[in-house]
Protein backbone atom coordinates (compact mmCIF):
# COMPACT_ATOMS: atom_id res chain seq x y z
CA UNK A 1 0.00 0.00 0.00
CA UNK A 2 1.20 3.49 -0.83
CA UNK A 3 2.11 5.97 1.87
CA UNK A 4 -0.56 8.49 2.88
CA UNK A 5 0.47 12.15 2.93
CA UNK A 6 -0.76 15.68 3.55
CA UNK A 7 -0.56 18.60 1.11
CA UNK A 8 -2.29 22.00 1.00
CA UNK A 9 -4.45 21.10 3.99
CA UNK A 10 -5.66 17.85 2.41
CA UNK A 11 -4.85 14.39 3.74
CA UNK A 12 -4.52 11.77 0.98
CA UNK A 13 -5.12 8.18 2.15
CA UNK A 14 -2.89 5.37 0.89
CA UNK A 15 -5.80 4.14 -1.24
CA UNK A 16 -6.23 7.60 -2.78
CA UNK A 17 -2.51 7.73 -3.62
CA UNK A 18 -2.65 4.31 -5.30
CA UNK A 19 -5.70 5.23 -7.37
CA UNK A 20 -4.26 8.59 -8.36
CA UNK A 21 -1.09 6.92 -9.62
CA UNK A 22 -3.10 4.29 -11.48
CA UNK A 23 -5.40 6.87 -13.09
CA UNK A 24 -2.83 9.57 -13.87
CA UNK A 25 -4.27 12.10 -11.42
CA UNK A 26 -1.97 14.58 -9.67
CA UNK A 27 -2.54 16.55 -6.49
CA UNK A 28 -2.89 19.79 -8.47
CA UNK A 29 -5.84 18.18 -10.31
CA UNK A 30 -7.49 17.26 -7.01
CA UNK A 31 -7.02 20.74 -5.60
CA UNK A 32 -8.36 22.36 -8.79
CA UNK A 33 -11.41 20.06 -8.80
CA UNK A 34 -12.21 20.84 -5.17
CA UNK A 35 -11.84 24.58 -5.78
CA UNK A 36 -14.15 24.44 -8.82
CA UNK A 37 -16.55 21.89 -7.31
CA UNK A 38 -20.08 22.46 -8.59
CA UNK A 39 -21.65 19.09 -7.72
CA UNK A 40 -21.68 17.14 -4.46
CA UNK A 41 -23.56 13.93 -3.72
CA UNK A 42 -23.45 11.08 -1.19
CA UNK A 43 -20.93 8.33 -1.81
CA UNK A 44 -21.88 4.70 -2.24
CA UNK A 45 -20.39 3.52 1.06
CA UNK A 46 -22.91 1.67 3.23
CA UNK A 47 -22.65 3.96 6.23
CA UNK A 48 -22.93 7.15 4.14
CA UNK A 49 -19.67 8.49 5.53
CA UNK A 50 -18.34 9.79 2.20
CA UNK A 51 -19.23 12.55 -0.24
CA UNK A 52 -18.33 12.76 -3.92
CA UNK A 53 -17.29 16.23 -5.06
CA UNK A 54 -17.08 16.86 -8.80
CA UNK A 55 -15.13 19.70 -10.37
CA UNK A 56 -12.71 20.56 -13.16
CA UNK A 57 -9.13 19.32 -13.14
CA UNK A 58 -6.32 21.41 -14.61
CA UNK A 59 -7.04 20.15 -18.13
CA UNK A 60 -10.79 20.85 -17.71
CA UNK A 61 -11.68 17.16 -17.46
CA UNK A 62 -14.27 16.39 -14.81
CA UNK A 63 -12.74 14.82 -11.71
CA UNK A 64 -14.59 13.10 -8.86
CA UNK A 65 -12.96 13.43 -5.46
CA UNK A 66 -14.34 11.25 -2.66
CA UNK A 67 -13.91 12.80 0.79
CA UNK A 68 -15.10 11.99 4.30
CA UNK A 69 -18.42 13.67 5.10
CA UNK A 70 -17.39 14.74 8.61
CA UNK A 71 -13.77 15.50 7.66
CA UNK A 72 -13.82 16.77 4.05
CA UNK A 73 -10.07 17.39 4.09
CA UNK A 74 -9.53 13.59 3.93
CA UNK A 75 -9.32 12.40 0.31
CA UNK A 76 -10.48 8.77 0.14
CA UNK A 77 -10.11 8.25 -3.62
CA UNK A 78 -10.35 10.04 -6.96
CA UNK A 79 -11.50 9.08 -10.44
CA UNK A 80 -12.23 10.72 -13.77
CA UNK A 81 -15.95 11.31 -14.30
CA UNK A 82 -15.80 9.86 -17.83
CA UNK A 83 -14.62 6.55 -16.33
CA UNK A 84 -18.10 6.14 -14.82
CA UNK A 85 -20.90 5.08 -17.12
PDB file of N, CA and C in Angstrom:
ATOM      1  N   UNK A   1       0.839  -1.179   0.000  1.00  0.00           N
ATOM      2  CA  UNK A   1       0.000   0.000   0.000  1.00  0.00           C
ATOM      3  C   UNK A   1       0.889   1.249   0.000  1.00  0.00           C
ATOM      4  N   UNK A   2       0.462   2.234  -0.728  1.00  0.00           N
ATOM      5  CA  UNK A   2       1.200   3.492  -0.827  1.00  0.00           C
ATOM      6  C   UNK A   2       1.084   4.281   0.470  1.00  0.00           C
ATOM      7  N   UNK A   3       2.044   5.144   0.666  1.00  0.00           N
ATOM      8  CA  UNK A   3       2.105   5.967   1.868  1.00  0.00           C
ATOM      9  C   UNK A   3       1.123   7.134   1.769  1.00  0.00           C
ATOM     10  N   UNK A   4       0.329   7.331   2.808  1.00  0.00           N
ATOM     11  CA  UNK A   4      -0.560   8.486   2.883  1.00  0.00           C
ATOM     12  C   UNK A   4       0.289   9.737   3.096  1.00  0.00           C
ATOM     13  N   UNK A   5      -0.257  10.896   2.720  1.00  0.00           N
ATOM     14  CA  UNK A   5       0.473  12.146   2.928  1.00  0.00           C
ATOM     15  C   UNK A   5      -0.489  13.316   3.003  1.00  0.00           C
ATOM     16  N   UNK A   6       0.031  14.455   3.442  1.00  0.00           N
ATOM     17  CA  UNK A   6      -0.755  15.685   3.548  1.00  0.00           C
ATOM     18  C   UNK A   6      -0.144  16.734   2.635  1.00  0.00           C
ATOM     19  N   UNK A   7      -1.009  17.501   1.963  1.00  0.00           N
ATOM     20  CA  UNK A   7      -0.558  18.604   1.111  1.00  0.00           C
ATOM     21  C   UNK A   7      -1.687  19.624   1.019  1.00  0.00           C
ATOM     22  N   UNK A   8      -1.342  20.883   1.152  1.00  0.00           N
ATOM     23  CA  UNK A   8      -2.290  22.005   1.005  1.00  0.00           C
ATOM     24  C   UNK A   8      -3.536  21.813   1.876  1.00  0.00           C
ATOM     25  N   UNK A   9      -3.332  21.278   3.076  1.00  0.00           N
ATOM     26  CA  UNK A   9      -4.454  21.102   3.993  1.00  0.00           C
ATOM     27  C   UNK A   9      -5.299  19.879   3.720  1.00  0.00           C
ATOM     28  N   UNK A  10      -4.936  19.077   2.723  1.00  0.00           N
ATOM     29  CA  UNK A  10      -5.661  17.851   2.412  1.00  0.00           C
ATOM     30  C   UNK A  10      -4.835  16.642   2.837  1.00  0.00           C
ATOM     31  N   UNK A  11      -5.506  15.645   3.368  1.00  0.00           N
ATOM     32  CA  UNK A  11      -4.849  14.387   3.736  1.00  0.00           C
ATOM     33  C   UNK A  11      -5.260  13.342   2.695  1.00  0.00           C
ATOM     34  N   UNK A  12      -4.286  12.780   2.002  1.00  0.00           N
ATOM     35  CA  UNK A  12      -4.525  11.765   0.982  1.00  0.00           C
ATOM     36  C   UNK A  12      -4.270  10.390   1.590  1.00  0.00           C
ATOM     37  N   UNK A  13      -5.292   9.528   1.619  1.00  0.00           N
ATOM     38  CA  UNK A  13      -5.120   8.182   2.153  1.00  0.00           C
ATOM     39  C   UNK A  13      -4.228   7.363   1.224  1.00  0.00           C
ATOM     40  N   UNK A  14      -3.696   6.261   1.728  1.00  0.00           N
ATOM     41  CA  UNK A  14      -2.888   5.375   0.893  1.00  0.00           C
ATOM     42  C   UNK A  14      -3.674   4.889  -0.314  1.00  0.00           C
ATOM     43  N   UNK A  15      -4.954   4.585  -0.124  1.00  0.00           N
ATOM     44  CA  UNK A  15      -5.797   4.145  -1.242  1.00  0.00           C
ATOM     45  C   UNK A  15      -5.918   5.245  -2.290  1.00  0.00           C
ATOM     46  N   UNK A  16      -6.120   6.484  -1.838  1.00  0.00           N
ATOM     47  CA  UNK A  16      -6.227   7.603  -2.780  1.00  0.00           C
ATOM     48  C   UNK A  16      -4.945   7.736  -3.592  1.00  0.00           C
ATOM     49  N   UNK A  17      -3.799   7.614  -2.933  1.00  0.00           N
ATOM     50  CA  UNK A  17      -2.510   7.734  -3.624  1.00  0.00           C
ATOM     51  C   UNK A  17      -2.366   6.641  -4.681  1.00  0.00           C
ATOM     52  N   UNK A  18      -2.724   5.415  -4.336  1.00  0.00           N
ATOM     53  CA  UNK A  18      -2.652   4.306  -5.300  1.00  0.00           C
ATOM     54  C   UNK A  18      -3.534   4.566  -6.514  1.00  0.00           C
ATOM     55  N   UNK A  19      -4.764   4.994  -6.268  1.00  0.00           N
ATOM     56  CA  UNK A  19      -5.697   5.228  -7.369  1.00  0.00           C
ATOM     57  C   UNK A  19      -5.282   6.418  -8.221  1.00  0.00           C
ATOM     58  N   UNK A  20      -4.740   7.440  -7.599  1.00  0.00           N
ATOM     59  CA  UNK A  20      -4.261   8.595  -8.360  1.00  0.00           C
ATOM     60  C   UNK A  20      -3.125   8.185  -9.285  1.00  0.00           C
ATOM     61  N   UNK A  21      -2.198   7.399  -8.780  1.00  0.00           N
ATOM     62  CA  UNK A  21      -1.094   6.922  -9.622  1.00  0.00           C
ATOM     63  C   UNK A  21      -1.618   6.074 -10.769  1.00  0.00           C
ATOM     64  N   UNK A  22      -2.533   5.183 -10.466  1.00  0.00           N
ATOM     65  CA  UNK A  22      -3.098   4.285 -11.481  1.00  0.00           C
ATOM     66  C   UNK A  22      -3.857   5.058 -12.566  1.00  0.00           C
ATOM     67  N   UNK A  23      -4.526   6.137 -12.170  1.00  0.00           N
ATOM     68  CA  UNK A  23      -5.399   6.874 -13.086  1.00  0.00           C
ATOM     69  C   UNK A  23      -4.756   8.129 -13.662  1.00  0.00           C
ATOM     70  N   UNK A  24      -3.517   8.399 -13.333  1.00  0.00           N
ATOM     71  CA  UNK A  24      -2.832   9.571 -13.871  1.00  0.00           C
ATOM     72  C   UNK A  24      -3.371  10.884 -13.343  1.00  0.00           C
ATOM     73  N   UNK A  25      -3.730  10.903 -12.062  1.00  0.00           N
ATOM     74  CA  UNK A  25      -4.272  12.103 -11.417  1.00  0.00           C
ATOM     75  C   UNK A  25      -3.201  12.658 -10.484  1.00  0.00           C
ATOM     76  N   UNK A  26      -2.963  13.961 -10.553  1.00  0.00           N
ATOM     77  CA  UNK A  26      -1.969  14.578  -9.674  1.00  0.00           C
ATOM     78  C   UNK A  26      -2.678  15.437  -8.617  1.00  0.00           C
ATOM     79  N   UNK A  27      -1.938  15.767  -7.570  1.00  0.00           N
ATOM     80  CA  UNK A  27      -2.538  16.546  -6.486  1.00  0.00           C
ATOM     81  C   UNK A  27      -3.060  17.896  -6.968  1.00  0.00           C
ATOM     82  N   UNK A  28      -2.401  18.502  -7.934  1.00  0.00           N
ATOM     83  CA  UNK A  28      -2.886  19.785  -8.472  1.00  0.00           C
ATOM     84  C   UNK A  28      -4.267  19.616  -9.108  1.00  0.00           C
ATOM     85  N   UNK A  29      -4.515  18.456  -9.746  1.00  0.00           N
ATOM     86  CA  UNK A  29      -5.839  18.179 -10.312  1.00  0.00           C
ATOM     87  C   UNK A  29      -6.889  18.111  -9.211  1.00  0.00           C
ATOM     88  N   UNK A  30      -6.554  17.418  -8.126  1.00  0.00           N
ATOM     89  CA  UNK A  30      -7.490  17.265  -7.011  1.00  0.00           C
ATOM     90  C   UNK A  30      -7.817  18.630  -6.414  1.00  0.00           C
ATOM     91  N   UNK A  31      -6.802  19.423  -6.174  1.00  0.00           N
ATOM     92  CA  UNK A  31      -7.015  20.744  -5.597  1.00  0.00           C
ATOM     93  C   UNK A  31      -7.854  21.624  -6.519  1.00  0.00           C
ATOM     94  N   UNK A  32      -7.584  21.574  -7.828  1.00  0.00           N
ATOM     95  CA  UNK A  32      -8.362  22.364  -8.792  1.00  0.00           C
ATOM     96  C   UNK A  32      -9.822  21.903  -8.809  1.00  0.00           C
ATOM     97  N   UNK A  33     -10.041  20.595  -8.777  1.00  0.00           N
ATOM     98  CA  UNK A  33     -11.407  20.061  -8.798  1.00  0.00           C
ATOM     99  C   UNK A  33     -12.174  20.475  -7.551  1.00  0.00           C
ATOM    100  N   UNK A  34     -11.528  20.428  -6.397  1.00  0.00           N
ATOM    101  CA  UNK A  34     -12.209  20.837  -5.170  1.00  0.00           C
ATOM    102  C   UNK A  34     -12.506  22.331  -5.176  1.00  0.00           C
ATOM    103  N   UNK A  35     -11.612  23.131  -5.707  1.00  0.00           N
ATOM    104  CA  UNK A  35     -11.841  24.581  -5.780  1.00  0.00           C
ATOM    105  C   UNK A  35     -12.975  24.924  -6.742  1.00  0.00           C
ATOM    106  N   UNK A  36     -13.110  24.150  -7.818  1.00  0.00           N
ATOM    107  CA  UNK A  36     -14.147  24.436  -8.820  1.00  0.00           C
ATOM    108  C   UNK A  36     -15.393  23.570  -8.639  1.00  0.00           C
ATOM    109  N   UNK A  37     -15.456  22.836  -7.541  1.00  0.00           N
ATOM    110  CA  UNK A  37     -16.552  21.888  -7.307  1.00  0.00           C
ATOM    111  C   UNK A  37     -17.916  22.555  -7.498  1.00  0.00           C
ATOM    112  N   UNK A  38     -18.727  21.945  -8.364  1.00  0.00           N
ATOM    113  CA  UNK A  38     -20.076  22.455  -8.588  1.00  0.00           C
ATOM    114  C   UNK A  38     -21.143  21.394  -8.338  1.00  0.00           C
ATOM    115  N   UNK A  39     -20.717  20.179  -7.988  1.00  0.00           N
ATOM    116  CA  UNK A  39     -21.652  19.090  -7.724  1.00  0.00           C
ATOM    117  C   UNK A  39     -21.127  18.281  -6.541  1.00  0.00           C
ATOM    118  N   UNK A  40     -22.017  17.986  -5.603  1.00  0.00           N
ATOM    119  CA  UNK A  40     -21.676  17.136  -4.461  1.00  0.00           C
ATOM    120  C   UNK A  40     -22.842  16.189  -4.232  1.00  0.00           C
ATOM    121  N   UNK A  41     -22.518  14.912  -4.018  1.00  0.00           N
ATOM    122  CA  UNK A  41     -23.563  13.931  -3.721  1.00  0.00           C
ATOM    123  C   UNK A  41     -23.006  12.851  -2.798  1.00  0.00           C
ATOM    124  N   UNK A  42     -23.910  12.112  -2.126  1.00  0.00           N
ATOM    125  CA  UNK A  42     -23.449  11.076  -1.191  1.00  0.00           C
ATOM    126  C   UNK A  42     -22.689   9.976  -1.928  1.00  0.00           C
ATOM    127  N   UNK A  43     -21.678   9.453  -1.250  1.00  0.00           N
ATOM    128  CA  UNK A  43     -20.932   8.329  -1.808  1.00  0.00           C
ATOM    129  C   UNK A  43     -21.739   7.041  -1.722  1.00  0.00           C
ATOM    130  N   UNK A  44     -21.173   5.982  -2.220  1.00  0.00           N
ATOM    131  CA  UNK A  44     -21.884   4.701  -2.240  1.00  0.00           C
ATOM    132  C   UNK A  44     -21.539   3.810  -1.048  1.00  0.00           C
ATOM    133  N   UNK A  45     -20.737   4.313  -0.119  1.00  0.00           N
ATOM    134  CA  UNK A  45     -20.389   3.520   1.063  1.00  0.00           C
ATOM    135  C   UNK A  45     -21.651   3.245   1.886  1.00  0.00           C
ATOM    136  N   UNK A  46     -21.705   2.105   2.498  1.00  0.00           N
ATOM    137  CA  UNK A  46     -22.909   1.673   3.225  1.00  0.00           C
ATOM    138  C   UNK A  46     -23.306   2.594   4.367  1.00  0.00           C
ATOM    139  N   UNK A  47     -22.347   3.133   5.058  1.00  0.00           N
ATOM    140  CA  UNK A  47     -22.652   3.962   6.229  1.00  0.00           C
ATOM    141  C   UNK A  47     -22.816   5.444   5.876  1.00  0.00           C
ATOM    142  N   UNK A  48     -22.748   5.765   4.600  1.00  0.00           N
ATOM    143  CA  UNK A  48     -22.927   7.152   4.138  1.00  0.00           C
ATOM    144  C   UNK A  48     -21.933   8.102   4.791  1.00  0.00           C
ATOM    145  N   UNK A  49     -20.690   7.652   4.906  1.00  0.00           N
ATOM    146  CA  UNK A  49     -19.667   8.485   5.527  1.00  0.00           C
ATOM    147  C   UNK A  49     -18.916   9.341   4.515  1.00  0.00           C
ATOM    148  N   UNK A  50     -19.112   9.077   3.219  1.00  0.00           N
ATOM    149  CA  UNK A  50     -18.342   9.785   2.196  1.00  0.00           C
ATOM    150  C   UNK A  50     -19.222  10.667   1.326  1.00  0.00           C
ATOM    151  N   UNK A  51     -18.593  11.691   0.756  1.00  0.00           N
ATOM    152  CA  UNK A  51     -19.226  12.550  -0.241  1.00  0.00           C
ATOM    153  C   UNK A  51     -18.377  12.517  -1.502  1.00  0.00           C
ATOM    154  N   UNK A  52     -19.032  12.635  -2.645  1.00  0.00           N
ATOM    155  CA  UNK A  52     -18.331  12.756  -3.920  1.00  0.00           C
ATOM    156  C   UNK A  52     -18.461  14.203  -4.362  1.00  0.00           C
ATOM    157  N   UNK A  53     -17.324  14.841  -4.584  1.00  0.00           N
ATOM    158  CA  UNK A  53     -17.294  16.234  -5.056  1.00  0.00           C
ATOM    159  C   UNK A  53     -16.749  16.209  -6.478  1.00  0.00           C
ATOM    160  N   UNK A  54     -17.455  16.875  -7.384  1.00  0.00           N
ATOM    161  CA  UNK A  54     -17.075  16.858  -8.797  1.00  0.00           C
ATOM    162  C   UNK A  54     -16.739  18.271  -9.242  1.00  0.00           C
ATOM    163  N   UNK A  55     -15.573  18.406  -9.869  1.00  0.00           N
ATOM    164  CA  UNK A  55     -15.127  19.703 -10.369  1.00  0.00           C
ATOM    165  C   UNK A  55     -14.188  19.515 -11.539  1.00  0.00           C
ATOM    166  N   UNK A  56     -13.594  20.600 -11.993  1.00  0.00           N
ATOM    167  CA  UNK A  56     -12.712  20.559 -13.158  1.00  0.00           C
ATOM    168  C   UNK A  56     -11.249  20.428 -12.739  1.00  0.00           C
ATOM    169  N   UNK A  57     -10.561  19.470 -13.342  1.00  0.00           N
ATOM    170  CA  UNK A  57      -9.125  19.316 -13.140  1.00  0.00           C
ATOM    171  C   UNK A  57      -8.412  20.389 -13.957  1.00  0.00           C
ATOM    172  N   UNK A  58      -7.105  20.397 -13.897  1.00  0.00           N
ATOM    173  CA  UNK A  58      -6.317  21.414 -14.605  1.00  0.00           C
ATOM    174  C   UNK A  58      -6.555  21.413 -16.106  1.00  0.00           C
ATOM    175  N   UNK A  59      -6.813  20.240 -16.683  1.00  0.00           N
ATOM    176  CA  UNK A  59      -7.039  20.146 -18.133  1.00  0.00           C
ATOM    177  C   UNK A  59      -8.517  20.221 -18.496  1.00  0.00           C
ATOM    178  N   UNK A  60      -9.345  20.668 -17.547  1.00  0.00           N
ATOM    179  CA  UNK A  60     -10.794  20.848 -17.714  1.00  0.00           C
ATOM    180  C   UNK A  60     -11.575  19.540 -17.788  1.00  0.00           C
ATOM    181  N   UNK A  61     -10.915  18.405 -17.583  1.00  0.00           N
ATOM    182  CA  UNK A  61     -11.679  17.156 -17.464  1.00  0.00           C
ATOM    183  C   UNK A  61     -12.374  17.144 -16.109  1.00  0.00           C
ATOM    184  N   UNK A  62     -13.512  16.475 -16.048  1.00  0.00           N
ATOM    185  CA  UNK A  62     -14.267  16.389 -14.809  1.00  0.00           C
ATOM    186  C   UNK A  62     -13.634  15.332 -13.906  1.00  0.00           C
ATOM    187  N   UNK A  63     -13.384  15.706 -12.662  1.00  0.00           N
ATOM    188  CA  UNK A  63     -12.745  14.821 -11.706  1.00  0.00           C
ATOM    189  C   UNK A  63     -13.644  14.662 -10.485  1.00  0.00           C
ATOM    190  N   UNK A  64     -13.835  13.418 -10.067  1.00  0.00           N
ATOM    191  CA  UNK A  64     -14.588  13.097  -8.858  1.00  0.00           C
ATOM    192  C   UNK A  64     -13.598  12.872  -7.725  1.00  0.00           C
ATOM    193  N   UNK A  65     -13.811  13.558  -6.629  1.00  0.00           N
ATOM    194  CA  UNK A  65     -12.958  13.425  -5.457  1.00  0.00           C
ATOM    195  C   UNK A  65     -13.854  12.967  -4.306  1.00  0.00           C
ATOM    196  N   UNK A  66     -13.555  11.799  -3.767  1.00  0.00           N
ATOM    197  CA  UNK A  66     -14.337  11.251  -2.660  1.00  0.00           C
ATOM    198  C   UNK A  66     -13.651  11.660  -1.361  1.00  0.00           C
ATOM    199  N   UNK A  67     -14.427  12.322  -0.489  1.00  0.00           N
ATOM    200  CA  UNK A  67     -13.909  12.796   0.794  1.00  0.00           C
ATOM    201  C   UNK A  67     -14.813  12.291   1.914  1.00  0.00           C
ATOM    202  N   UNK A  68     -14.299  12.348   3.129  1.00  0.00           N
ATOM    203  CA  UNK A  68     -15.098  11.993   4.301  1.00  0.00           C
ATOM    204  C   UNK A  68     -16.118  13.093   4.573  1.00  0.00           C
ATOM    205  N   UNK A  69     -17.346  12.703   4.842  1.00  0.00           N
ATOM    206  CA  UNK A  69     -18.422  13.673   5.099  1.00  0.00           C
ATOM    207  C   UNK A  69     -18.087  14.570   6.291  1.00  0.00           C
ATOM    208  N   UNK A  70     -17.660  13.987   7.396  1.00  0.00           N
ATOM    209  CA  UNK A  70     -17.392  14.744   8.611  1.00  0.00           C
ATOM    210  C   UNK A  70     -16.012  15.405   8.620  1.00  0.00           C
ATOM    211  N   UNK A  71     -15.123  14.934   7.751  1.00  0.00           N
ATOM    212  CA  UNK A  71     -13.767  15.502   7.661  1.00  0.00           C
ATOM    213  C   UNK A  71     -13.410  15.642   6.186  1.00  0.00           C
ATOM    214  N   UNK A  72     -13.977  16.648   5.511  1.00  0.00           N
ATOM    215  CA  UNK A  72     -13.824  16.769   4.055  1.00  0.00           C
ATOM    216  C   UNK A  72     -12.411  17.079   3.577  1.00  0.00           C
ATOM    217  N   UNK A  73     -11.472  17.211   4.489  1.00  0.00           N
ATOM    218  CA  UNK A  73     -10.071  17.392   4.094  1.00  0.00           C
ATOM    219  C   UNK A  73      -9.386  16.039   3.862  1.00  0.00           C
ATOM    220  N   UNK A  74     -10.091  14.934   4.150  1.00  0.00           N
ATOM    221  CA  UNK A  74      -9.535  13.593   3.930  1.00  0.00           C
ATOM    222  C   UNK A  74      -9.998  13.081   2.569  1.00  0.00           C
ATOM    223  N   UNK A  75      -9.035  12.912   1.657  1.00  0.00           N
ATOM    224  CA  UNK A  75      -9.322  12.403   0.314  1.00  0.00           C
ATOM    225  C   UNK A  75      -9.242  10.879   0.370  1.00  0.00           C
ATOM    226  N   UNK A  76     -10.369  10.224   0.084  1.00  0.00           N
ATOM    227  CA  UNK A  76     -10.479   8.767   0.145  1.00  0.00           C
ATOM    228  C   UNK A  76     -10.037   8.140  -1.169  1.00  0.00           C
ATOM    229  N   UNK A  77     -10.501   8.711  -2.286  1.00  0.00           N
ATOM    230  CA  UNK A  77     -10.110   8.246  -3.618  1.00  0.00           C
ATOM    231  C   UNK A  77     -10.482   9.310  -4.632  1.00  0.00           C
ATOM    232  N   UNK A  78     -10.029   9.129  -5.852  1.00  0.00           N
ATOM    233  CA  UNK A  78     -10.347  10.037  -6.961  1.00  0.00           C
ATOM    234  C   UNK A  78     -10.525   9.227  -8.225  1.00  0.00           C
ATOM    235  N   UNK A  79     -11.335   9.731  -9.148  1.00  0.00           N
ATOM    236  CA  UNK A  79     -11.499   9.083 -10.437  1.00  0.00           C
ATOM    237  C   UNK A  79     -12.049  10.095 -11.437  1.00  0.00           C
ATOM    238  N   UNK A  80     -11.726   9.845 -12.706  1.00  0.00           N
ATOM    239  CA  UNK A  80     -12.230  10.717 -13.775  1.00  0.00           C
ATOM    240  C   UNK A  80     -13.705  10.418 -13.998  1.00  0.00           C
ATOM    241  N   UNK A  81     -14.507  11.475 -14.137  1.00  0.00           N
ATOM    242  CA  UNK A  81     -15.945  11.308 -14.304  1.00  0.00           C
ATOM    243  C   UNK A  81     -16.290  10.498 -15.545  1.00  0.00           C
ATOM    244  N   UNK A  82     -15.485  10.622 -16.604  1.00  0.00           N
ATOM    245  CA  UNK A  82     -15.796   9.865 -17.832  1.00  0.00           C
ATOM    246  C   UNK A  82     -15.540   8.372 -17.668  1.00  0.00           C
ATOM    247  N   UNK A  83     -14.852   7.970 -16.585  1.00  0.00           N
ATOM    248  CA  UNK A  83     -14.620   6.545 -16.330  1.00  0.00           C
ATOM    249  C   UNK A  83     -15.864   5.878 -15.742  1.00  0.00           C
ATOM    250  N   UNK A  84     -16.870   6.665 -15.397  1.00  0.00           N
ATOM    251  CA  UNK A  84     -18.105   6.142 -14.822  1.00  0.00           C
ATOM    252  C   UNK A  84     -19.185   6.193 -15.876  1.00  0.00           C
ATOM    253  N   UNK A  85     -19.791   5.060 -16.151  1.00  0.00           N
ATOM    254  CA  UNK A  85     -20.896   5.080 -17.122  1.00  0.00           C
ATOM    255  C   UNK A  85     -22.071   4.310 -16.630  1.00  0.00           C
TER     256      UNK A  85
END
